[in-house]
């Protein structure tokens, strides 16, 4: 299933000439642009007379992943797409073939939001006659050179378009699709927003904030210990040294003297 989904994304159908409307008798080439030739893409179509028939089966001439139709007929109007052996499909294209005197040349593929859309009203002999353009049956405007451009299209520009040339005729209608412009969902990280030296400064500040309290508390404890030792008149070495036997004897004599003085004072 994953492979089929991938093939659907990397295969697309293109048409030359690139137009969704054609006159009877025109030739056209349709190609399945494939990234994996082993997928075996085949061009298929649905018309009013047939369903899912492939190129070469009564219509067109197959040439690898392409299909050439030398003479387009109104019966060739329909939906065309590429299909792999596994059943994966490409985008579809709607082609209209007319016996009429006017066609509307419009994009066969969806137009992305923000891009320009150009529509051309054309006869079999000219594409420079004044023409009126319509969307969803409503008149838009008349262009002197039969070209109408809609700048920076949005989803509201999606719809059914046609054109009309006075004293010549009206084209069939064709649907123009507009797709949303892709947006980035991953915001830039901090490392991409800040230059390298700024990141180093931030790291230094963080280290100082973490280790400074430890250094300060250690310094205070050492200072208090040294102050206490100095206040008792003894060095750290003397405090930590065990008394010798001589010192123990002096302490006993000192205790006897204190006892005698105390008794004399009492009596």
C-alpha atoms as a PDB file:
ATOM      1  CA  UNK A   1       0.000   0.000   0.000  1.00  0.00           C
ATOM      2  CA  UNK A   2       2.847   2.415   0.808  1.00  0.00           C
ATOM      3  CA  UNK A   3       4.452   1.736  -2.575  1.00  0.00           C
ATOM      4  CA  UNK A   4       1.153   2.397  -4.380  1.00  0.00           C
ATOM      5  CA  UNK A   5       0.687   5.727  -2.563  1.00  0.00           C
ATOM      6  CA  UNK A   6       4.229   6.770  -3.505  1.00  0.00           C
ATOM      7  CA  UNK A   7       3.645   5.925  -7.156  1.00  0.00           C
ATOM      8  CA  UNK A   8       0.484   7.993  -7.137  1.00  0.00           C
ATOM      9  CA  UNK A   9       2.505  10.999  -6.012  1.00  0.00           C
ATOM     10  CA  UNK A  10       5.330  10.679  -8.537  1.00  0.00           C
ATOM     11  CA  UNK A  11       3.294  10.007 -11.692  1.00  0.00           C
ATOM     12  CA  UNK A  12       1.355  12.706 -13.551  1.00  0.00           C
ATOM     13  CA  UNK A  13      -0.487  13.069 -16.850  1.00  0.00           C
ATOM     14  CA  UNK A  14       0.526  15.831 -19.275  1.00  0.00           C
ATOM     15  CA  UNK A  15      -1.134  16.937 -22.513  1.00  0.00           C
ATOM     16  CA  UNK A  16       0.399  18.567 -25.595  1.00  0.00           C
ATOM     17  CA  UNK A  17      -0.895  21.026 -26.702  1.00  0.00           C
ATOM     18  CA  UNK A  18      -1.777  22.024 -23.134  1.00  0.00           C
ATOM     19  CA  UNK A  19      -5.464  22.823 -23.423  1.00  0.00           C
ATOM     20  CA  UNK A  20      -8.645  21.375 -22.000  1.00  0.00           C
ATOM     21  CA  UNK A  21     -10.578  22.160 -25.206  1.00  0.00           C
ATOM     22  CA  UNK A  22      -9.741  21.148 -28.773  1.00  0.00           C
ATOM     23  CA  UNK A  23     -11.186  21.427 -32.254  1.00  0.00           C
ATOM     24  CA  UNK A  24     -12.245  18.381 -34.224  1.00  0.00           C
ATOM     25  CA  UNK A  25      -9.313  17.114 -36.293  1.00  0.00           C
ATOM     26  CA  UNK A  26      -6.574  18.262 -33.892  1.00  0.00           C
ATOM     27  CA  UNK A  27      -3.813  15.872 -32.915  1.00  0.00           C
ATOM     28  CA  UNK A  28      -2.831  15.422 -29.271  1.00  0.00           C
ATOM     29  CA  UNK A  29      -0.163  13.620 -27.280  1.00  0.00           C
ATOM     30  CA  UNK A  30      -0.797  12.437 -23.722  1.00  0.00           C
ATOM     31  CA  UNK A  31       2.088  11.227 -21.551  1.00  0.00           C
ATOM     32  CA  UNK A  32       2.366   9.488 -18.195  1.00  0.00           C
ATOM     33  CA  UNK A  33       5.418  11.072 -16.603  1.00  0.00           C
ATOM     34  CA  UNK A  34       6.746   8.263 -14.459  1.00  0.00           C
ATOM     35  CA  UNK A  35       9.673   7.988 -12.076  1.00  0.00           C
ATOM     36  CA  UNK A  36       9.566   4.200 -11.897  1.00  0.00           C
ATOM     37  CA  UNK A  37       9.368   2.547 -15.316  1.00  0.00           C
ATOM     38  CA  UNK A  38       8.621  -0.804 -13.681  1.00  0.00           C
ATOM     39  CA  UNK A  39       5.232   0.512 -12.590  1.00  0.00           C
ATOM     40  CA  UNK A  40       3.927  -0.040 -16.153  1.00  0.00           C
ATOM     41  CA  UNK A  41       1.750   3.064 -16.485  1.00  0.00           C
ATOM     42  CA  UNK A  42      -1.075   2.879 -19.038  1.00  0.00           C
ATOM     43  CA  UNK A  43      -3.297   5.689 -20.305  1.00  0.00           C
ATOM     44  CA  UNK A  44      -7.021   5.129 -19.770  1.00  0.00           C
ATOM     45  CA  UNK A  45     -10.162   7.161 -20.341  1.00  0.00           C
ATOM     46  CA  UNK A  46     -13.895   7.387 -19.673  1.00  0.00           C
ATOM     47  CA  UNK A  47     -16.185   8.774 -22.363  1.00  0.00           C
ATOM     48  CA  UNK A  48     -19.932   8.727 -22.956  1.00  0.00           C
ATOM     49  CA  UNK A  49     -19.499   5.497 -24.918  1.00  0.00           C
ATOM     50  CA  UNK A  50     -16.819   3.580 -22.982  1.00  0.00           C
ATOM     51  CA  UNK A  51     -15.350   3.130 -19.526  1.00  0.00           C
ATOM     52  CA  UNK A  52     -11.732   2.511 -18.456  1.00  0.00           C
ATOM     53  CA  UNK A  53     -10.558   1.640 -21.964  1.00  0.00           C
ATOM     54  CA  UNK A  54      -6.821   1.888 -22.499  1.00  0.00           C
ATOM     55  CA  UNK A  55      -4.814   3.539 -25.263  1.00  0.00           C
ATOM     56  CA  UNK A  56      -4.614   1.282 -28.331  1.00  0.00           C
ATOM     57  CA  UNK A  57      -7.892  -0.443 -27.531  1.00  0.00           C
ATOM     58  CA  UNK A  58      -9.903   1.144 -30.363  1.00  0.00           C
ATOM     59  CA  UNK A  59      -8.431   4.607 -29.934  1.00  0.00           C
ATOM     60  CA  UNK A  60      -4.978   6.214 -29.965  1.00  0.00           C
ATOM     61  CA  UNK A  61      -1.565   4.723 -30.605  1.00  0.00           C
ATOM     62  CA  UNK A  62       0.494   3.626 -27.627  1.00  0.00           C
ATOM     63  CA  UNK A  63       4.190   4.541 -27.479  1.00  0.00           C
ATOM     64  CA  UNK A  64       5.584   3.358 -24.157  1.00  0.00           C
ATOM     65  CA  UNK A  65       4.020   5.498 -21.432  1.00  0.00           C
ATOM     66  CA  UNK A  66       2.588   7.940 -24.027  1.00  0.00           C
ATOM     67  CA  UNK A  67      -0.483   7.872 -26.220  1.00  0.00           C
ATOM     68  CA  UNK A  68      -0.854   9.782 -29.514  1.00  0.00           C
ATOM     69  CA  UNK A  69      -4.224  10.606 -31.055  1.00  0.00           C
ATOM     70  CA  UNK A  70      -3.801  11.906 -34.590  1.00  0.00           C
ATOM     71  CA  UNK A  71      -7.405  12.999 -35.122  1.00  0.00           C
ATOM     72  CA  UNK A  72      -9.542  14.165 -32.199  1.00  0.00           C
ATOM     73  CA  UNK A  73     -13.287  13.668 -32.544  1.00  0.00           C
ATOM     74  CA  UNK A  74     -16.116  14.927 -30.272  1.00  0.00           C
ATOM     75  CA  UNK A  75     -16.551  11.289 -29.215  1.00  0.00           C
ATOM     76  CA  UNK A  76     -13.042  11.509 -27.716  1.00  0.00           C
ATOM     77  CA  UNK A  77     -14.313  14.011 -25.135  1.00  0.00           C
ATOM     78  CA  UNK A  78     -13.928  12.587 -21.639  1.00  0.00           C
ATOM     79  CA  UNK A  79     -11.699  12.058 -18.625  1.00  0.00           C
ATOM     80  CA  UNK A  80      -8.142  10.776 -19.159  1.00  0.00           C
ATOM     81  CA  UNK A  81      -5.713   9.408 -16.535  1.00  0.00           C
ATOM     82  CA  UNK A  82      -2.679   7.136 -16.047  1.00  0.00           C
ATOM     83  CA  UNK A  83      -2.966   3.821 -14.214  1.00  0.00           C
ATOM     84  CA  UNK A  84      -0.293   1.356 -13.081  1.00  0.00           C
ATOM     85  CA  UNK A  85      -0.462  -2.421 -13.043  1.00  0.00           C
ATOM     86  CA  UNK A  86      -1.028  -2.276  -9.283  1.00  0.00           C
ATOM     87  CA  UNK A  87      -4.031   0.027  -9.743  1.00  0.00           C
ATOM     88  CA  UNK A  88      -2.430   3.321  -8.673  1.00  0.00           C
ATOM     89  CA  UNK A  89      -3.749   6.351 -10.574  1.00  0.00           C
ATOM     90  CA  UNK A  90      -2.365   9.751 -11.546  1.00  0.00           C
ATOM     91  CA  UNK A  91      -4.174  13.070 -11.782  1.00  0.00           C
ATOM     92  CA  UNK A  92      -7.071  13.141 -14.241  1.00  0.00           C
ATOM     93  CA  UNK A  93      -7.653  15.591 -17.106  1.00  0.00           C
ATOM     94  CA  UNK A  94     -10.973  16.489 -18.673  1.00  0.00           C
ATOM     95  CA  UNK A  95     -10.726  17.080 -22.438  1.00  0.00           C
ATOM     96  CA  UNK A  96     -13.545  18.536 -24.536  1.00  0.00           C
ATOM     97  CA  UNK A  97     -13.522  18.201 -28.343  1.00  0.00           C
ATOM     98  CA  UNK A  98     -15.922  20.471 -30.223  1.00  0.00           C
ATOM     99  CA  UNK A  99     -17.322  20.913 -33.724  1.00  0.00           C
ATOM    100  CA  UNK A 100     -17.925  24.565 -32.902  1.00  0.00           C
ATOM    101  CA  UNK A 101     -15.928  27.572 -34.181  1.00  0.00           C
ATOM    102  CA  UNK A 102     -14.566  28.738 -30.808  1.00  0.00           C
ATOM    103  CA  UNK A 103     -12.644  27.094 -27.977  1.00  0.00           C
ATOM    104  CA  UNK A 104     -11.398  28.385 -24.622  1.00  0.00           C
ATOM    105  CA  UNK A 105      -7.778  27.534 -23.928  1.00  0.00           C
ATOM    106  CA  UNK A 106      -7.490  27.039 -20.171  1.00  0.00           C
ATOM    107  CA  UNK A 107      -5.016  25.184 -17.941  1.00  0.00           C
ATOM    108  CA  UNK A 108      -5.479  21.415 -17.910  1.00  0.00           C
ATOM    109  CA  UNK A 109      -3.937  21.192 -14.435  1.00  0.00           C
ATOM    110  CA  UNK A 110      -5.000  23.075 -11.271  1.00  0.00           C
ATOM    111  CA  UNK A 111      -3.576  26.560 -10.762  1.00  0.00           C
ATOM    112  CA  UNK A 112      -1.871  27.284  -7.445  1.00  0.00           C
ATOM    113  CA  UNK A 113      -3.061  30.151  -5.264  1.00  0.00           C
ATOM    114  CA  UNK A 114      -1.103  33.348  -5.909  1.00  0.00           C
ATOM    115  CA  UNK A 115      -0.235  32.459  -9.497  1.00  0.00           C
ATOM    116  CA  UNK A 116      -1.646  34.147 -12.617  1.00  0.00           C
ATOM    117  CA  UNK A 117      -4.394  32.506 -14.667  1.00  0.00           C
ATOM    118  CA  UNK A 118      -4.544  33.249 -18.407  1.00  0.00           C
ATOM    119  CA  UNK A 119      -7.514  32.281 -20.557  1.00  0.00           C
ATOM    120  CA  UNK A 120      -7.513  32.557 -24.358  1.00  0.00           C
ATOM    121  CA  UNK A 121     -10.546  32.630 -26.622  1.00  0.00           C
ATOM    122  CA  UNK A 122      -9.578  31.135 -29.972  1.00  0.00           C
ATOM    123  CA  UNK A 123     -11.074  30.390 -33.392  1.00  0.00           C
ATOM    124  CA  UNK A 124      -9.660  27.934 -35.905  1.00  0.00           C
ATOM    125  CA  UNK A 125      -7.904  30.802 -37.690  1.00  0.00           C
ATOM    126  CA  UNK A 126      -7.244  33.459 -35.036  1.00  0.00           C
ATOM    127  CA  UNK A 127      -6.726  34.097 -31.344  1.00  0.00           C
ATOM    128  CA  UNK A 128      -6.624  37.917 -31.420  1.00  0.00           C
ATOM    129  CA  UNK A 129     -10.300  38.834 -31.853  1.00  0.00           C
ATOM    130  CA  UNK A 130     -12.174  40.726 -29.118  1.00  0.00           C
ATOM    131  CA  UNK A 131     -13.865  38.247 -26.771  1.00  0.00           C
ATOM    132  CA  UNK A 132     -16.127  38.295 -23.756  1.00  0.00           C
ATOM    133  CA  UNK A 133     -15.363  36.022 -20.797  1.00  0.00           C
ATOM    134  CA  UNK A 134     -17.822  34.384 -18.385  1.00  0.00           C
ATOM    135  CA  UNK A 135     -17.525  32.565 -15.064  1.00  0.00           C
ATOM    136  CA  UNK A 136     -20.334  30.319 -13.799  1.00  0.00           C
ATOM    137  CA  UNK A 137     -22.638  31.902 -16.381  1.00  0.00           C
ATOM    138  CA  UNK A 138     -21.936  35.503 -15.283  1.00  0.00           C
ATOM    139  CA  UNK A 139     -20.203  38.012 -17.541  1.00  0.00           C
ATOM    140  CA  UNK A 140     -16.743  39.122 -16.357  1.00  0.00           C
ATOM    141  CA  UNK A 141     -15.409  41.511 -19.014  1.00  0.00           C
ATOM    142  CA  UNK A 142     -14.436  41.892 -22.679  1.00  0.00           C
ATOM    143  CA  UNK A 143     -10.817  41.753 -23.792  1.00  0.00           C
ATOM    144  CA  UNK A 144      -9.735  43.241 -27.124  1.00  0.00           C
ATOM    145  CA  UNK A 145      -7.022  40.653 -27.804  1.00  0.00           C
ATOM    146  CA  UNK A 146      -9.021  37.599 -26.647  1.00  0.00           C
ATOM    147  CA  UNK A 147      -6.672  37.064 -23.682  1.00  0.00           C
ATOM    148  CA  UNK A 148      -7.864  37.474 -20.099  1.00  0.00           C
ATOM    149  CA  UNK A 149      -5.447  37.240 -17.175  1.00  0.00           C
ATOM    150  CA  UNK A 150      -6.507  36.954 -13.549  1.00  0.00           C
ATOM    151  CA  UNK A 151      -3.588  37.971 -11.340  1.00  0.00           C
ATOM    152  CA  UNK A 152      -2.876  36.241  -8.034  1.00  0.00           C
ATOM    153  CA  UNK A 153      -5.752  33.783  -8.169  1.00  0.00           C
ATOM    154  CA  UNK A 154      -7.487  32.551  -5.026  1.00  0.00           C
ATOM    155  CA  UNK A 155      -9.924  29.749  -4.306  1.00  0.00           C
ATOM    156  CA  UNK A 156     -12.794  32.108  -5.146  1.00  0.00           C
ATOM    157  CA  UNK A 157     -11.570  32.174  -8.772  1.00  0.00           C
ATOM    158  CA  UNK A 158     -12.286  28.478  -9.146  1.00  0.00           C
ATOM    159  CA  UNK A 159     -15.235  27.777 -11.420  1.00  0.00           C
ATOM    160  CA  UNK A 160     -16.683  27.111 -14.857  1.00  0.00           C
ATOM    161  CA  UNK A 161     -15.346  29.436 -17.584  1.00  0.00           C
ATOM    162  CA  UNK A 162     -16.320  30.062 -21.212  1.00  0.00           C
ATOM    163  CA  UNK A 163     -15.834  32.778 -23.820  1.00  0.00           C
ATOM    164  CA  UNK A 164     -17.746  34.331 -26.704  1.00  0.00           C
ATOM    165  CA  UNK A 165     -16.587  36.060 -29.891  1.00  0.00           C
ATOM    166  CA  UNK A 166     -19.229  38.229 -31.535  1.00  0.00           C
ATOM    167  CA  UNK A 167     -20.330  37.101 -34.994  1.00  0.00           C
ATOM    168  CA  UNK A 168     -18.271  33.895 -34.589  1.00  0.00           C
ATOM    169  CA  UNK A 169     -19.665  31.890 -31.697  1.00  0.00           C
ATOM    170  CA  UNK A 170     -19.288  30.667 -28.115  1.00  0.00           C
ATOM    171  CA  UNK A 171     -16.910  28.103 -26.651  1.00  0.00           C
ATOM    172  CA  UNK A 172     -17.859  25.130 -24.478  1.00  0.00           C
ATOM    173  CA  UNK A 173     -17.407  25.559 -20.726  1.00  0.00           C
ATOM    174  CA  UNK A 174     -14.365  24.213 -18.858  1.00  0.00           C
ATOM    175  CA  UNK A 175     -13.744  23.888 -15.132  1.00  0.00           C
ATOM    176  CA  UNK A 176     -10.690  25.679 -13.752  1.00  0.00           C
ATOM    177  CA  UNK A 177      -9.375  24.371 -10.422  1.00  0.00           C
ATOM    178  CA  UNK A 178      -7.327  26.351  -7.892  1.00  0.00           C
ATOM    179  CA  UNK A 179      -5.238  24.575  -5.256  1.00  0.00           C
ATOM    180  CA  UNK A 180      -4.037  25.933  -1.929  1.00  0.00           C
ATOM    181  CA  UNK A 181      -0.495  27.171  -1.685  1.00  0.00           C
ATOM    182  CA  UNK A 182       1.562  24.833   0.525  1.00  0.00           C
ATOM    183  CA  UNK A 183       2.710  26.312   3.802  1.00  0.00           C
ATOM    184  CA  UNK A 184       5.630  25.340   6.025  1.00  0.00           C
ATOM    185  CA  UNK A 185       4.526  23.761   9.298  1.00  0.00           C
ATOM    186  CA  UNK A 186       7.974  23.499  10.903  1.00  0.00           C
ATOM    187  CA  UNK A 187       9.021  26.770  12.586  1.00  0.00           C
ATOM    188  CA  UNK A 188      12.731  27.619  12.553  1.00  0.00           C
ATOM    189  CA  UNK A 189      14.698  26.370  15.537  1.00  0.00           C
ATOM    190  CA  UNK A 190      16.559  28.621  17.969  1.00  0.00           C
ATOM    191  CA  UNK A 191      19.901  27.690  16.438  1.00  0.00           C
ATOM    192  CA  UNK A 192      18.723  28.976  13.034  1.00  0.00           C
ATOM    193  CA  UNK A 193      17.339  32.195  14.476  1.00  0.00           C
ATOM    194  CA  UNK A 194      20.468  33.159  16.464  1.00  0.00           C
ATOM    195  CA  UNK A 195      24.044  33.546  15.222  1.00  0.00           C
ATOM    196  CA  UNK A 196      26.644  31.093  16.614  1.00  0.00           C
ATOM    197  CA  UNK A 197      28.293  33.585  18.978  1.00  0.00           C
ATOM    198  CA  UNK A 198      24.917  34.450  20.554  1.00  0.00           C
ATOM    199  CA  UNK A 199      24.288  30.785  21.267  1.00  0.00           C
ATOM    200  CA  UNK A 200      27.705  30.476  22.951  1.00  0.00           C
ATOM    201  CA  UNK A 201      26.996  33.493  25.185  1.00  0.00           C
ATOM    202  CA  UNK A 202      23.655  31.996  26.227  1.00  0.00           C
ATOM    203  CA  UNK A 203      25.335  28.714  27.141  1.00  0.00           C
ATOM    204  CA  UNK A 204      27.953  30.559  29.225  1.00  0.00           C
ATOM    205  CA  UNK A 205      25.271  32.470  31.125  1.00  0.00           C
ATOM    206  CA  UNK A 206      23.395  29.239  31.831  1.00  0.00           C
ATOM    207  CA  UNK A 207      26.542  27.608  33.225  1.00  0.00           C
ATOM    208  CA  UNK A 208      27.231  30.612  35.445  1.00  0.00           C
ATOM    209  CA  UNK A 209      23.692  30.616  36.795  1.00  0.00           C
ATOM    210  CA  UNK A 210      23.944  26.914  37.637  1.00  0.00           C
ATOM    211  CA  UNK A 211      27.443  26.859  39.198  1.00  0.00           C
ATOM    212  CA  UNK A 212      27.680  30.291  40.881  1.00  0.00           C
ATOM    213  CA  UNK A 213      25.427  29.409  43.868  1.00  0.00           C
ATOM    214  CA  UNK A 214      27.552  26.311  44.498  1.00  0.00           C
ATOM    215  CA  UNK A 215      30.785  28.340  44.414  1.00  0.00           C
ATOM    216  CA  UNK A 216      29.356  31.051  46.687  1.00  0.00           C
ATOM    217  CA  UNK A 217      28.045  28.564  49.262  1.00  0.00           C
ATOM    218  CA  UNK A 218      31.395  26.756  49.309  1.00  0.00           C
ATOM    219  CA  UNK A 219      33.276  30.021  49.853  1.00  0.00           C
ATOM    220  CA  UNK A 220      30.966  31.016  52.753  1.00  0.00           C
ATOM    221  CA  UNK A 221      31.376  27.631  54.471  1.00  0.00           C
ATOM    222  CA  UNK A 222      35.175  27.806  54.228  1.00  0.00           C
ATOM    223  CA  UNK A 223      35.208  31.387  55.555  1.00  0.00           C
ATOM    224  CA  UNK A 224      33.002  30.491  58.544  1.00  0.00           C
ATOM    225  CA  UNK A 225      35.144  27.487  59.369  1.00  0.00           C
ATOM    226  CA  UNK A 226      38.361  29.500  59.278  1.00  0.00           C
ATOM    227  CA  UNK A 227      36.795  32.278  61.369  1.00  0.00           C
ATOM    228  CA  UNK A 228      35.633  29.801  64.016  1.00  0.00           C
ATOM    229  CA  UNK A 229      39.026  28.159  64.202  1.00  0.00           C
ATOM    230  CA  UNK A 230      40.783  31.554  64.575  1.00  0.00           C
ATOM    231  CA  UNK A 231      38.354  32.696  67.311  1.00  0.00           C
ATOM    232  CA  UNK A 232      39.263  29.696  69.539  1.00  0.00           C
ATOM    233  CA  UNK A 233      42.946  30.656  69.327  1.00  0.00           C
ATOM    234  CA  UNK A 234      43.790  27.281  67.801  1.00  0.00           C
ATOM    235  CA  UNK A 235      44.904  26.443  64.391  1.00  0.00           C
ATOM    236  CA  UNK A 236      43.193  23.804  62.392  1.00  0.00           C
ATOM    237  CA  UNK A 237      46.175  21.527  62.813  1.00  0.00           C
ATOM    238  CA  UNK A 238      46.085  21.891  66.615  1.00  0.00           C
ATOM    239  CA  UNK A 239      42.427  21.200  66.814  1.00  0.00           C
ATOM    240  CA  UNK A 240      42.708  18.075  64.749  1.00  0.00           C
ATOM    241  CA  UNK A 241      45.843  16.705  66.577  1.00  0.00           C
ATOM    242  CA  UNK A 242      45.282  14.086  69.329  1.00  0.00           C
ATOM    243  CA  UNK A 243      46.721  15.013  72.848  1.00  0.00           C
ATOM    244  CA  UNK A 244      49.976  13.351  73.873  1.00  0.00           C
ATOM    245  CA  UNK A 245      50.589  11.659  77.230  1.00  0.00           C
ATOM    246  CA  UNK A 246      52.493  14.709  78.532  1.00  0.00           C
ATOM    247  CA  UNK A 247      49.627  16.942  77.620  1.00  0.00           C
ATOM    248  CA  UNK A 248      47.231  14.583  79.397  1.00  0.00           C
ATOM    249  CA  UNK A 249      49.395  14.795  82.549  1.00  0.00           C
ATOM    250  CA  UNK A 250      49.377  18.584  82.467  1.00  0.00           C
ATOM    251  CA  UNK A 251      45.638  18.494  82.153  1.00  0.00           C
ATOM    252  CA  UNK A 252      45.367  16.288  85.290  1.00  0.00           C
ATOM    253  CA  UNK A 253      47.573  18.628  87.311  1.00  0.00           C
ATOM    254  CA  UNK A 254      45.596  21.605  86.094  1.00  0.00           C
ATOM    255  CA  UNK A 255      42.376  19.906  87.256  1.00  0.00           C
ATOM    256  CA  UNK A 256      43.905  19.253  90.756  1.00  0.00           C
ATOM    257  CA  UNK A 257      44.884  22.904  91.160  1.00  0.00           C
ATOM    258  CA  UNK A 258      41.451  24.058  90.216  1.00  0.00           C
ATOM    259  CA  UNK A 259      39.908  21.644  92.782  1.00  0.00           C
ATOM    260  CA  UNK A 260      42.152  22.888  95.596  1.00  0.00           C
ATOM    261  CA  UNK A 261      41.434  26.544  94.899  1.00  0.00           C
ATOM    262  CA  UNK A 262      37.769  25.829  94.872  1.00  0.00           C
ATOM    263  CA  UNK A 263      37.864  24.095  98.274  1.00  0.00           C
ATOM    264  CA  UNK A 264      39.837  26.923  99.891  1.00  0.00           C
ATOM    265  CA  UNK A 265      37.427  29.419  98.599  1.00  0.00           C
ATOM    266  CA  UNK A 266      34.521  27.361  99.925  1.00  0.00           C
ATOM    267  CA  UNK A 267      35.817  27.095 103.452  1.00  0.00           C
END
